[in-house]
N, C-alpha and C. Protein backbone atom coordinates (compact mmCIF):
# COMPACT_ATOMS: atom_id res chain seq x y z
N UNK A 1 73.84 -82.18 -30.75
CA UNK A 1 72.98 -82.56 -30.05
C UNK A 1 73.04 -82.26 -28.78
N UNK A 2 72.18 -81.40 -27.89
CA UNK A 2 72.47 -81.16 -26.44
C UNK A 2 71.14 -81.90 -25.64
N UNK A 3 71.55 -82.35 -24.70
CA UNK A 3 70.09 -82.71 -23.73
C UNK A 3 69.78 -82.03 -22.58
N UNK A 4 68.54 -81.80 -22.56
CA UNK A 4 68.19 -80.74 -21.45
C UNK A 4 67.41 -81.44 -20.45
N UNK A 5 66.42 -80.98 -19.66
CA UNK A 5 65.41 -81.56 -18.70
C UNK A 5 64.22 -80.92 -18.62
N UNK A 6 63.30 -81.51 -18.30
CA UNK A 6 61.72 -81.18 -17.74
C UNK A 6 61.78 -81.22 -16.37
N UNK A 7 61.74 -80.13 -15.64
CA UNK A 7 61.35 -80.20 -14.02
C UNK A 7 60.07 -81.08 -14.01
N UNK A 8 59.99 -81.16 -12.26
CA UNK A 8 58.74 -81.73 -12.02
C UNK A 8 57.27 -80.87 -12.01
N UNK A 9 57.60 -79.60 -12.25
CA UNK A 9 56.54 -78.53 -12.58
C UNK A 9 56.69 -78.35 -14.23
N UNK A 10 57.12 -78.89 -14.85
CA UNK A 10 56.96 -78.90 -16.53
C UNK A 10 57.93 -77.76 -16.89
N UNK A 11 58.84 -77.18 -15.94
CA UNK A 11 59.81 -76.06 -16.50
C UNK A 11 60.70 -76.75 -17.43
N UNK A 12 61.38 -76.19 -18.38
CA UNK A 12 62.18 -76.42 -19.55
C UNK A 12 63.66 -76.01 -18.79
N UNK A 13 64.65 -76.87 -18.94
CA UNK A 13 65.93 -76.30 -18.22
C UNK A 13 66.86 -76.86 -19.64
N UNK A 14 67.16 -75.26 -20.17
CA UNK A 14 67.87 -75.23 -21.60
C UNK A 14 69.56 -75.20 -20.92
N UNK A 15 70.33 -76.19 -21.53
CA UNK A 15 71.59 -76.02 -21.21
C UNK A 15 72.37 -75.13 -21.24
N UNK A 16 73.82 -74.83 -20.67
CA UNK A 16 74.34 -73.71 -20.55
C UNK A 16 74.79 -73.52 -22.21
N UNK A 17 75.65 -74.68 -22.71
CA UNK A 17 75.75 -74.56 -23.91
C UNK A 17 74.89 -73.92 -24.98
N UNK A 18 73.51 -74.36 -25.03
CA UNK A 18 72.44 -73.67 -25.59
C UNK A 18 72.25 -72.19 -25.72
N UNK A 19 72.24 -72.08 -24.06
CA UNK A 19 72.00 -70.68 -23.63
C UNK A 19 73.04 -69.71 -24.18
N UNK A 20 74.22 -69.82 -24.22
CA UNK A 20 75.40 -69.24 -24.56
C UNK A 20 75.28 -68.86 -26.56
N UNK A 21 74.88 -70.29 -26.71
CA UNK A 21 74.80 -69.95 -28.27
C UNK A 21 73.87 -68.79 -28.91
N UNK A 22 72.52 -68.88 -27.90
CA UNK A 22 71.53 -68.06 -28.47
C UNK A 22 71.68 -66.67 -27.59
N UNK A 23 72.87 -66.36 -26.66
CA UNK A 23 72.93 -65.20 -26.05
C UNK A 23 71.46 -65.03 -25.00
N UNK A 24 71.42 -66.13 -24.33
CA UNK A 24 70.24 -66.11 -23.71
C UNK A 24 70.25 -65.43 -22.04
N UNK A 25 70.09 -64.47 -21.69
CA UNK A 25 70.27 -64.08 -20.15
C UNK A 25 69.00 -64.23 -19.54
N UNK A 26 69.47 -64.18 -18.30
CA UNK A 26 68.35 -64.38 -16.95
C UNK A 26 67.06 -63.33 -17.38
N UNK A 27 65.77 -63.55 -17.58
CA UNK A 27 64.59 -62.68 -17.97
C UNK A 27 64.74 -62.35 -19.11
N UNK A 28 65.51 -63.04 -20.05
CA UNK A 28 65.23 -62.74 -21.56
C UNK A 28 63.98 -63.51 -21.78
N UNK A 29 62.97 -62.40 -22.79
CA UNK A 29 61.74 -63.16 -23.12
C UNK A 29 62.10 -63.98 -24.38
N UNK A 30 61.37 -65.28 -24.57
CA UNK A 30 61.45 -65.97 -25.63
C UNK A 30 60.13 -66.46 -26.27
N UNK A 31 60.08 -67.20 -27.38
CA UNK A 31 58.63 -67.75 -27.77
C UNK A 31 58.93 -69.22 -27.95
N UNK A 32 57.51 -69.92 -27.98
CA UNK A 32 57.79 -71.39 -28.09
C UNK A 32 56.90 -71.33 -29.10
N UNK A 33 57.06 -72.30 -30.00
CA UNK A 33 56.11 -72.80 -31.18
C UNK A 33 56.35 -74.28 -31.30
N UNK A 34 55.28 -75.17 -31.79
CA UNK A 34 55.64 -76.51 -32.24
C UNK A 34 55.39 -76.36 -33.62
N UNK A 35 56.23 -77.24 -34.71
CA UNK A 35 55.97 -77.41 -35.67
C UNK A 35 56.43 -78.48 -36.18
N UNK A 36 55.84 -79.11 -36.71
CA UNK A 36 55.80 -80.94 -37.13
C UNK A 36 56.13 -81.44 -36.09
N UNK A 37 55.90 -81.51 -34.97
CA UNK A 37 56.31 -82.42 -33.89
C UNK A 37 57.48 -81.76 -32.92
N UNK A 38 57.78 -80.64 -33.44
CA UNK A 38 59.42 -80.11 -32.72
C UNK A 38 58.92 -78.74 -32.23
N UNK A 39 59.56 -78.94 -31.00
CA UNK A 39 59.58 -77.46 -30.27
C UNK A 39 60.44 -76.54 -30.89
N UNK A 40 60.10 -74.96 -30.84
CA UNK A 40 60.99 -74.29 -31.58
C UNK A 40 60.91 -73.11 -30.37
N UNK A 41 62.45 -72.78 -29.98
CA UNK A 41 62.30 -71.79 -28.95
C UNK A 41 63.33 -70.63 -29.70
N UNK A 42 62.58 -69.19 -29.56
CA UNK A 42 63.37 -68.26 -30.40
C UNK A 42 63.32 -67.21 -29.12
N UNK A 43 64.42 -66.60 -29.42
CA UNK A 43 64.55 -65.16 -28.93
C UNK A 43 63.97 -64.02 -29.08
N UNK A 44 63.22 -63.39 -28.31
CA UNK A 44 62.70 -62.08 -28.98
C UNK A 44 63.59 -60.93 -28.54
N UNK A 45 64.05 -60.38 -29.68
CA UNK A 45 65.33 -59.16 -29.36
C UNK A 45 64.60 -57.96 -28.71
N UNK A 46 65.48 -57.54 -28.42
CA UNK A 46 65.12 -56.35 -27.28
C UNK A 46 65.13 -55.15 -28.32
N UNK A 47 64.40 -53.96 -27.96
CA UNK A 47 64.37 -53.09 -28.83
C UNK A 47 65.75 -52.36 -29.09
N UNK A 48 66.80 -52.47 -28.23
CA UNK A 48 68.17 -52.00 -28.63
C UNK A 48 68.63 -53.12 -29.65
N UNK A 49 68.46 -54.09 -29.64
CA UNK A 49 69.11 -55.15 -30.48
C UNK A 49 68.11 -54.80 -31.95
N UNK A 50 67.05 -54.60 -31.97
CA UNK A 50 66.36 -54.22 -32.96
C UNK A 50 66.81 -52.87 -33.87
N UNK A 51 67.10 -51.99 -32.90
CA UNK A 51 67.22 -50.67 -33.56
C UNK A 51 68.90 -50.50 -34.18
N UNK A 52 69.68 -51.59 -33.61
CA UNK A 52 71.15 -51.51 -34.01
C UNK A 52 71.23 -52.12 -35.17
N UNK A 53 70.30 -52.79 -35.75
CA UNK A 53 70.31 -53.74 -37.02
C UNK A 53 69.80 -52.63 -38.05
N UNK A 54 70.48 -52.76 -39.41
CA UNK A 54 69.99 -51.56 -40.66
C UNK A 54 68.42 -51.87 -40.86
N UNK A 55 67.97 -50.82 -41.20
CA UNK A 55 66.41 -51.00 -41.64
C UNK A 55 66.37 -51.88 -43.22
N UNK A 56 65.25 -52.47 -43.09
CA UNK A 56 64.94 -53.26 -44.76
C UNK A 56 64.33 -52.41 -45.39
N UNK A 57 63.58 -51.18 -44.80
CA UNK A 57 62.66 -50.59 -45.89
C UNK A 57 63.34 -49.01 -46.02
N UNK A 58 63.66 -48.49 -47.20
CA UNK A 58 64.09 -47.13 -47.32
C UNK A 58 62.90 -46.35 -47.94
N UNK A 59 62.80 -45.28 -47.24
CA UNK A 59 61.73 -44.29 -47.75
C UNK A 59 62.42 -42.80 -47.59
N UNK A 60 62.05 -42.20 -48.64
CA UNK A 60 62.28 -40.57 -48.42
C UNK A 60 61.45 -39.99 -47.63
N UNK A 61 61.92 -38.58 -47.19
CA UNK A 61 60.77 -38.19 -46.12
C UNK A 61 59.52 -37.57 -47.10
N UNK A 62 59.68 -37.32 -48.22
CA UNK A 62 58.91 -36.85 -49.31
C UNK A 62 58.11 -37.98 -49.26
N UNK A 63 58.38 -39.23 -49.60
CA UNK A 63 57.56 -40.32 -49.76
C UNK A 63 56.80 -40.50 -48.43
N UNK A 64 57.10 -40.30 -47.33
CA UNK A 64 56.60 -40.59 -46.01
C UNK A 64 55.38 -39.78 -45.65
N UNK A 65 55.76 -38.45 -46.12
CA UNK A 65 54.72 -37.53 -45.67
C UNK A 65 53.53 -37.62 -47.00
N UNK A 66 53.97 -38.05 -48.18
CA UNK A 66 52.71 -38.16 -49.12
C UNK A 66 51.95 -39.33 -48.74
N UNK A 67 52.66 -40.64 -48.12
CA UNK A 67 51.74 -41.54 -47.55
C UNK A 67 51.03 -41.30 -46.58
N UNK A 68 51.41 -40.45 -45.83
CA UNK A 68 50.60 -39.81 -44.71
C UNK A 68 49.59 -39.22 -44.92
N UNK A 69 49.73 -38.29 -45.91
CA UNK A 69 48.40 -37.69 -46.55
C UNK A 69 47.47 -38.63 -47.01
N UNK A 70 48.04 -39.28 -47.85
CA UNK A 70 47.02 -40.42 -48.40
C UNK A 70 46.05 -41.11 -47.48
N UNK A 71 47.00 -41.57 -46.43
CA UNK A 71 46.40 -42.10 -45.26
C UNK A 71 45.01 -41.54 -44.44
N UNK A 72 45.68 -40.29 -44.20
CA UNK A 72 44.96 -39.38 -43.52
C UNK A 72 43.50 -38.82 -44.46
N UNK A 73 43.70 -38.94 -45.77
CA UNK A 73 42.50 -38.61 -46.47
C UNK A 73 41.42 -39.62 -46.77
N UNK A 74 42.21 -41.02 -46.57
CA UNK A 74 41.46 -42.12 -46.68
C UNK A 74 40.64 -42.29 -45.39
N UNK A 75 41.38 -41.86 -44.11
CA UNK A 75 40.50 -42.21 -42.75
C UNK A 75 39.28 -41.19 -42.77
N UNK A 76 39.43 -40.04 -43.45
CA UNK A 76 38.44 -39.17 -43.32
C UNK A 76 37.05 -39.69 -44.16
N UNK A 77 37.16 -40.25 -45.13
CA UNK A 77 35.96 -40.98 -45.76
C UNK A 77 35.40 -41.86 -45.00
C-alpha cells in the first residue's frame, strides 16, 4: 500500500511508484470510478497501444462482406 495526497483544490497526487507501475505519463488520460466505496483509477490506452495488441475477434473477408451486405439490406427497410 502506498499513500498519496489530496491537494487543497481536490487534486489527487498519485505517488511516483504507482505512476511507474501503471506507466502513467504527463497528460495521460485516465478514468475514475467508485466501486463499493473504493476509488478505481484506470489508464485509458492510446490508439497505438490498442493497435499493438492482437485482435480478439477473427473474421474472414468473406464474412465481413456478408455481414456488411446484411446490415445494408436491413438499413434499407
